[in-house]
């Protein structure tokens, strides 16, 4: 999922949340039209100001919310878009990859 999500985002096919959603749906043969529901979740507009990539990951694995959030926080040094975007250490595309990688890892550990 990680590479699919990063590629989707890099090609400007969607924002951070849409990119993670697209990767999940692609991996699970889901309805790709569902990606559109995440259009309003990029650029700090996800619920609670969360990074959109993290927000999308949480929508697909809500039972793992705490684990996903903590792992994302460790890897990206935060969870809110407003605290992450100014960072020079990671790009939005990097964070898209992190969120998708966490979903991959959760699936592998099942």
Protein backbone atom coordinates (compact mmCIF):
# COMPACT_ATOMS: atom_id res chain seq x y z
CA UNK A 1 0.00 0.00 0.00
CA UNK A 2 2.83 2.38 0.80
CA UNK A 3 4.14 2.75 -2.74
CA UNK A 4 0.65 2.93 -4.23
CA UNK A 5 -0.31 5.72 -1.81
CA UNK A 6 2.90 7.69 -2.38
CA UNK A 7 2.60 7.36 -6.14
CA UNK A 8 -1.07 8.42 -6.10
CA UNK A 9 -0.13 11.48 -4.06
CA UNK A 10 2.98 12.32 -6.10
CA UNK A 11 0.98 12.29 -9.32
CA UNK A 12 -1.44 14.81 -7.76
CA UNK A 13 -4.35 12.43 -8.17
CA UNK A 14 -5.59 13.35 -4.71
CA UNK A 15 -4.69 14.89 -1.38
CA UNK A 16 -3.03 13.02 1.48
CA UNK A 17 -6.25 11.48 2.81
CA UNK A 18 -7.44 10.48 -0.65
CA UNK A 19 -4.09 8.85 -1.38
CA UNK A 20 -4.19 6.61 1.70
CA UNK A 21 -7.84 5.77 1.01
CA UNK A 22 -7.05 4.90 -2.61
CA UNK A 23 -4.24 2.59 -1.50
CA UNK A 24 -6.49 0.81 1.00
CA UNK A 25 -9.32 0.43 -1.48
CA UNK A 26 -6.97 -0.79 -4.20
CA UNK A 27 -5.47 -3.40 -1.86
CA UNK A 28 -8.92 -4.60 -0.78
CA UNK A 29 -10.70 -4.40 -4.13
CA UNK A 30 -12.94 -1.68 -2.73
CA UNK A 31 -15.08 0.83 -4.57
CA UNK A 32 -12.61 3.49 -5.71
CA UNK A 33 -15.39 6.09 -5.87
CA UNK A 34 -15.20 6.08 -2.04
CA UNK A 35 -11.94 8.03 -2.35
CA UNK A 36 -14.01 11.16 -3.06
CA UNK A 37 -15.37 11.26 0.47
CA UNK A 38 -11.85 12.20 1.60
CA UNK A 39 -11.54 15.20 -0.75
CA UNK A 40 -12.33 17.64 2.06
CA UNK A 41 -9.85 16.03 4.49
CA UNK A 42 -6.53 17.31 3.13
CA UNK A 43 -4.59 20.42 4.07
CA UNK A 44 -5.48 20.36 7.75
CA UNK A 45 -9.22 20.00 7.22
CA UNK A 46 -9.58 16.47 8.62
CA UNK A 47 -11.54 16.07 11.83
CA UNK A 48 -9.72 17.58 14.78
CA UNK A 49 -7.03 19.01 12.51
CA UNK A 50 -5.45 15.57 12.09
CA UNK A 51 -3.05 14.92 9.26
CA UNK A 52 -5.31 13.70 6.45
CA UNK A 53 -3.15 10.63 5.82
CA UNK A 54 -3.55 9.58 9.45
CA UNK A 55 -7.26 10.39 9.39
CA UNK A 56 -7.83 8.12 6.39
CA UNK A 57 -5.86 5.28 7.97
CA UNK A 58 -8.03 5.54 11.08
CA UNK A 59 -11.21 5.30 9.02
CA UNK A 60 -10.20 1.91 7.66
CA UNK A 61 -8.93 0.40 10.93
CA UNK A 62 -10.92 2.10 13.71
CA UNK A 63 -10.35 -0.79 16.12
CA UNK A 64 -6.61 -0.03 15.93
CA UNK A 65 -7.03 3.72 16.44
CA UNK A 66 -4.68 4.06 19.42
CA UNK A 67 -1.98 1.86 17.91
CA UNK A 68 -2.09 3.64 14.54
CA UNK A 69 -2.07 7.08 16.13
CA UNK A 70 0.85 6.30 18.44
CA UNK A 71 2.92 4.70 15.68
CA UNK A 72 2.24 7.64 13.36
CA UNK A 73 3.19 10.08 16.15
CA UNK A 74 6.48 8.23 16.74
CA UNK A 75 7.44 8.20 13.07
CA UNK A 76 6.29 11.70 12.14
CA UNK A 77 6.71 13.58 15.43
CA UNK A 78 3.06 14.57 15.66
CA UNK A 79 -0.46 13.94 14.43
CA UNK A 80 -1.89 17.36 13.59
CA UNK A 81 -1.43 18.81 10.14
CA UNK A 82 -0.63 22.22 11.61
CA UNK A 83 2.34 20.82 13.54
CA UNK A 84 3.53 18.53 10.75
CA UNK A 85 3.39 20.67 7.61
CA UNK A 86 6.04 23.17 8.68
CA UNK A 87 8.49 20.29 9.28
CA UNK A 88 11.47 20.14 6.98
CA UNK A 89 12.16 16.52 8.02
CA UNK A 90 9.15 14.94 6.29
CA UNK A 91 7.04 15.93 3.32
CA UNK A 92 3.32 15.30 3.02
CA UNK A 93 4.20 12.51 0.60
CA UNK A 94 6.43 10.96 3.27
CA UNK A 95 3.55 11.05 5.75
CA UNK A 96 1.22 9.45 3.19
CA UNK A 97 3.77 6.65 2.95
CA UNK A 98 4.00 6.31 6.73
CA UNK A 99 0.22 6.02 7.15
CA UNK A 100 -0.04 3.41 4.39
CA UNK A 101 2.97 1.50 5.75
CA UNK A 102 1.34 1.32 9.18
CA UNK A 103 -1.79 -0.17 7.59
CA UNK A 104 0.40 -2.67 5.74
CA UNK A 105 2.16 -3.65 8.95
CA UNK A 106 -1.12 -4.12 10.82
CA UNK A 107 -2.36 -6.43 8.09
CA UNK A 108 0.86 -8.45 8.11
CA UNK A 109 0.62 -8.94 11.87
CA UNK A 110 -2.88 -10.44 11.69
